[in-house]
Amino acid sequence: MFQNTRSNLIGVMTYFLYSNIKNLPVASLAESQKVGRLTKVLVDLDRLEIIGFLIRENFFSIKFLSLAEITELDKRGVVIESKEKLARPDEIVRVQHIIKNGIELISLPVKTQNNKFIGRITDFVFESESGKILKFYLQFFLHSRIISRANVIRTTPQKMVVENDSAMVGASQLV
């Protein structure tokens, strides 16, 4: 569990698998209540970093939660200081761009430089403080693979391009 890494755990890196935090409840310290649920991750594809999450407050309301506003994060839930830390997605240009362009990391096709399809992203590991994505889990039929961010050449809303199989170091095949 990471508790306010900005002050308590300086220098300690905490890593999360996205699938383990998706749909977690979000609670506010100030209001002492649940304020929503994590519904979608928003990723800056150029930097391969999480910028924040979309939070469903209720059936009609979706808000943006910046990664920097998270006080605590663990497998049970997310804690923020106050509901006031949530913003409307249309208030932040970068968030608007990601939503408008339909940028989704999960299910994104992954190809090598030689245009060989090697799978689709099914999950990823990220560092909780910076939001930096470190590893990508791929699936193609019955074959799974883990790709390091070091093997990524470029990422667009349509696909991720990685080094050719023979050039990849740190890629592992899981059968």
Protein backbone atom coordinates (compact mmCIF):
# COMPACT_ATOMS: atom_id res chain seq x y z
CA MET A 1 0.00 0.00 0.00
CA PHE A 2 1.34 3.43 -0.71
CA GLN A 3 0.33 6.19 1.62
CA ASN A 4 1.00 9.69 0.44
CA THR A 5 4.28 8.82 -1.24
CA ARG A 6 4.95 12.51 -1.67
CA SER A 7 5.77 12.85 2.03
CA ASN A 8 5.93 9.47 3.80
CA LEU A 9 7.75 7.20 1.39
CA ILE A 10 10.20 9.41 -0.43
CA GLY A 11 12.41 7.28 -2.62
CA VAL A 12 10.19 4.17 -2.33
CA MET A 13 8.72 3.03 -5.62
CA THR A 14 5.34 1.35 -5.62
CA TYR A 15 4.12 -0.51 -8.68
CA PHE A 16 0.60 -1.45 -9.69
CA LEU A 17 -0.94 -3.65 -12.33
CA TYR A 18 -3.70 -1.62 -13.98
CA SER A 19 -6.16 -4.53 -13.85
CA ASN A 20 -5.82 -4.54 -10.05
CA ILE A 21 -6.93 -0.93 -9.63
CA LYS A 22 -9.58 -0.55 -12.34
CA ASN A 23 -13.06 -0.07 -10.84
CA LEU A 24 -11.70 0.63 -7.34
CA PRO A 25 -13.75 2.96 -5.14
CA VAL A 26 -12.50 6.53 -4.61
CA ALA A 27 -13.00 8.05 -1.16
CA SER A 28 -12.58 11.59 0.09
CA LEU A 29 -10.93 12.37 3.43
CA ALA A 30 -12.74 15.72 3.81
CA GLU A 31 -16.19 14.31 3.07
CA SER A 32 -15.47 10.92 4.73
CA GLN A 33 -17.35 9.12 2.01
CA LYS A 34 -17.05 7.36 -1.32
CA VAL A 35 -17.07 9.90 -4.16
CA GLY A 36 -16.85 7.57 -7.13
CA ARG A 37 -15.15 4.68 -8.87
CA LEU A 38 -12.10 4.52 -11.18
CA THR A 39 -13.47 3.76 -14.63
CA LYS A 40 -10.75 4.58 -17.14
CA VAL A 41 -7.06 5.36 -17.22
CA LEU A 42 -5.86 8.34 -19.27
CA VAL A 43 -2.41 7.88 -20.79
CA ASP A 44 -0.04 10.30 -22.49
CA LEU A 45 1.11 8.08 -25.38
CA ASP A 46 4.15 10.23 -26.18
CA ARG A 47 5.59 9.81 -22.69
CA LEU A 48 3.91 6.47 -21.82
CA GLU A 49 2.70 7.94 -18.54
CA ILE A 50 -0.62 7.95 -16.76
CA ILE A 51 -1.91 11.49 -16.35
CA GLY A 52 -4.96 10.47 -14.35
CA PHE A 53 -8.24 8.62 -14.28
CA LEU A 54 -11.86 9.14 -15.13
CA ILE A 55 -14.06 8.72 -12.07
CA ARG A 56 -17.73 7.86 -12.28
CA GLU A 57 -19.39 9.82 -9.48
CA ASN A 58 -22.85 8.55 -10.31
CA PHE A 59 -24.82 7.41 -13.33
CA PHE A 60 -24.74 10.90 -14.90
CA SER A 61 -21.45 12.41 -13.76
CA ILE A 62 -17.88 11.61 -14.78
CA LYS A 63 -14.93 13.54 -13.36
CA PHE A 64 -11.19 13.63 -13.93
CA LEU A 65 -8.76 12.73 -11.14
CA SER A 66 -5.13 13.70 -11.69
CA LEU A 67 -2.58 11.12 -10.54
CA ALA A 68 -0.94 13.90 -8.49
CA GLU A 69 -4.12 14.33 -6.41
CA ILE A 70 -4.13 10.77 -5.08
CA THR A 71 -3.21 10.61 -1.39
CA GLU A 72 -3.41 6.81 -1.02
CA LEU A 73 -3.67 3.96 -3.46
CA ASP A 74 -3.82 0.26 -2.73
CA LYS A 75 -5.72 -2.82 -3.84
CA ARG A 76 -8.76 -1.81 -1.76
CA GLY A 77 -9.25 1.72 -3.07
CA VAL A 78 -8.11 5.25 -3.78
CA VAL A 79 -8.14 8.13 -1.29
CA ILE A 80 -8.10 11.83 -2.18
CA GLU A 81 -8.10 14.88 0.10
CA SER A 82 -11.39 16.30 -1.06
CA LYS A 83 -14.05 15.92 -3.72
CA GLU A 84 -12.94 19.41 -4.81
CA LYS A 85 -9.81 17.77 -6.30
CA LEU A 86 -11.98 16.22 -9.03
CA ALA A 87 -12.37 18.24 -12.24
CA ARG A 88 -14.73 18.13 -15.18
CA PRO A 89 -12.93 16.41 -18.08
CA ASP A 90 -13.81 19.28 -20.44
CA GLU A 91 -11.90 21.74 -18.22
CA ILE A 92 -8.49 20.24 -19.07
CA VAL A 93 -7.25 20.41 -22.67
CA ARG A 94 -4.94 17.40 -22.39
CA VAL A 95 -7.80 15.26 -21.03
CA GLN A 96 -10.15 16.51 -23.76
CA HIS A 97 -7.60 15.46 -26.39
CA ILE A 98 -7.27 11.93 -24.99
CA ILE A 99 -11.05 11.46 -24.74
CA LYS A 100 -11.79 13.06 -28.13
CA ASN A 101 -9.23 10.89 -29.92
CA GLY A 102 -10.44 7.71 -28.22
CA ILE A 103 -6.99 6.87 -26.91
CA GLU A 104 -7.20 3.44 -25.24
CA LEU A 105 -4.11 1.53 -24.18
CA ILE A 106 -5.95 -1.69 -23.35
CA SER A 107 -6.61 -3.69 -26.55
CA LEU A 108 -4.17 -1.55 -28.55
CA PRO A 109 -2.53 -3.68 -31.29
CA VAL A 110 1.24 -4.15 -31.00
CA LYS A 111 3.44 -4.68 -34.05
CA THR A 112 7.17 -4.96 -34.62
CA GLN A 113 9.17 -2.60 -36.84
CA ASN A 114 8.71 -5.18 -39.60
CA ASN A 115 4.92 -4.82 -39.18
CA LYS A 116 4.54 -8.28 -37.60
CA PHE A 117 1.49 -8.39 -35.32
CA ILE A 118 2.56 -9.77 -31.92
CA GLY A 119 -0.55 -9.18 -29.84
CA ARG A 120 -2.81 -6.71 -28.10
CA ILE A 121 -2.14 -4.97 -24.79
CA THR A 122 -4.15 -6.66 -22.04
CA ASP A 123 -2.58 -5.00 -19.00
CA PHE A 124 0.36 -2.91 -17.86
CA VAL A 125 2.49 -2.12 -14.81
CA PHE A 126 2.97 1.48 -13.73
CA GLU A 127 4.88 3.33 -11.03
CA SER A 128 2.44 5.03 -8.67
CA GLU A 129 4.34 8.26 -8.04
CA SER A 130 5.22 9.26 -11.60
CA GLY A 131 2.61 7.29 -13.52
CA LYS A 132 5.38 5.94 -15.76
CA ILE A 133 4.34 2.72 -17.48
CA LEU A 134 7.12 0.15 -17.17
CA LYS A 135 5.81 -3.09 -18.74
CA PHE A 136 3.08 -4.11 -21.12
CA TYR A 137 1.31 -7.46 -21.08
CA LEU A 138 0.34 -8.73 -24.53
CA GLN A 139 -1.91 -11.55 -25.64
CA PHE A 140 -2.16 -13.22 -29.05
CA PHE A 141 -4.27 -16.38 -29.12
CA LEU A 142 -2.69 -18.69 -26.55
CA HIS A 143 0.61 -16.81 -26.37
CA SER A 144 1.35 -14.15 -23.79
CA ARG A 145 4.28 -11.82 -23.75
CA ILE A 146 5.66 -9.06 -21.53
CA ILE A 147 7.31 -6.09 -23.24
CA SER A 148 9.47 -3.53 -21.46
CA ARG A 149 8.91 0.16 -22.19
CA ALA A 150 12.54 0.19 -23.40
CA ASN A 151 11.42 -1.91 -26.38
CA VAL A 152 8.72 0.56 -27.44
CA ILE A 153 9.63 2.68 -30.46
CA ARG A 154 6.41 4.68 -30.77
CA THR A 155 2.78 4.61 -29.73
CA THR A 156 -0.15 6.13 -31.58
CA PRO A 157 -3.90 5.86 -30.90
CA GLN A 158 -3.96 3.09 -33.55
CA LYS A 159 -0.99 0.91 -32.56
CA MET A 160 2.21 0.44 -30.60
CA VAL A 161 5.41 -0.30 -32.52
CA VAL A 162 8.17 -2.24 -30.78
CA GLU A 163 11.60 -3.50 -31.74
CA ASN A 164 11.80 -6.61 -33.90
CA ASP A 165 11.69 -9.90 -32.00
CA SER A 166 15.41 -10.56 -32.44
CA ALA A 167 16.35 -7.11 -31.09
CA MET A 168 14.18 -7.23 -27.96
CA VAL A 169 15.96 -7.65 -24.68
CA GLY A 170 13.74 -8.09 -21.67
CA ALA A 171 10.78 -9.41 -23.65
CA SER A 172 9.58 -12.71 -22.35
CA GLN A 173 7.34 -15.34 -23.87
CA LEU A 174 4.87 -16.98 -21.54
CA VAL A 175 3.23 -20.11 -22.89
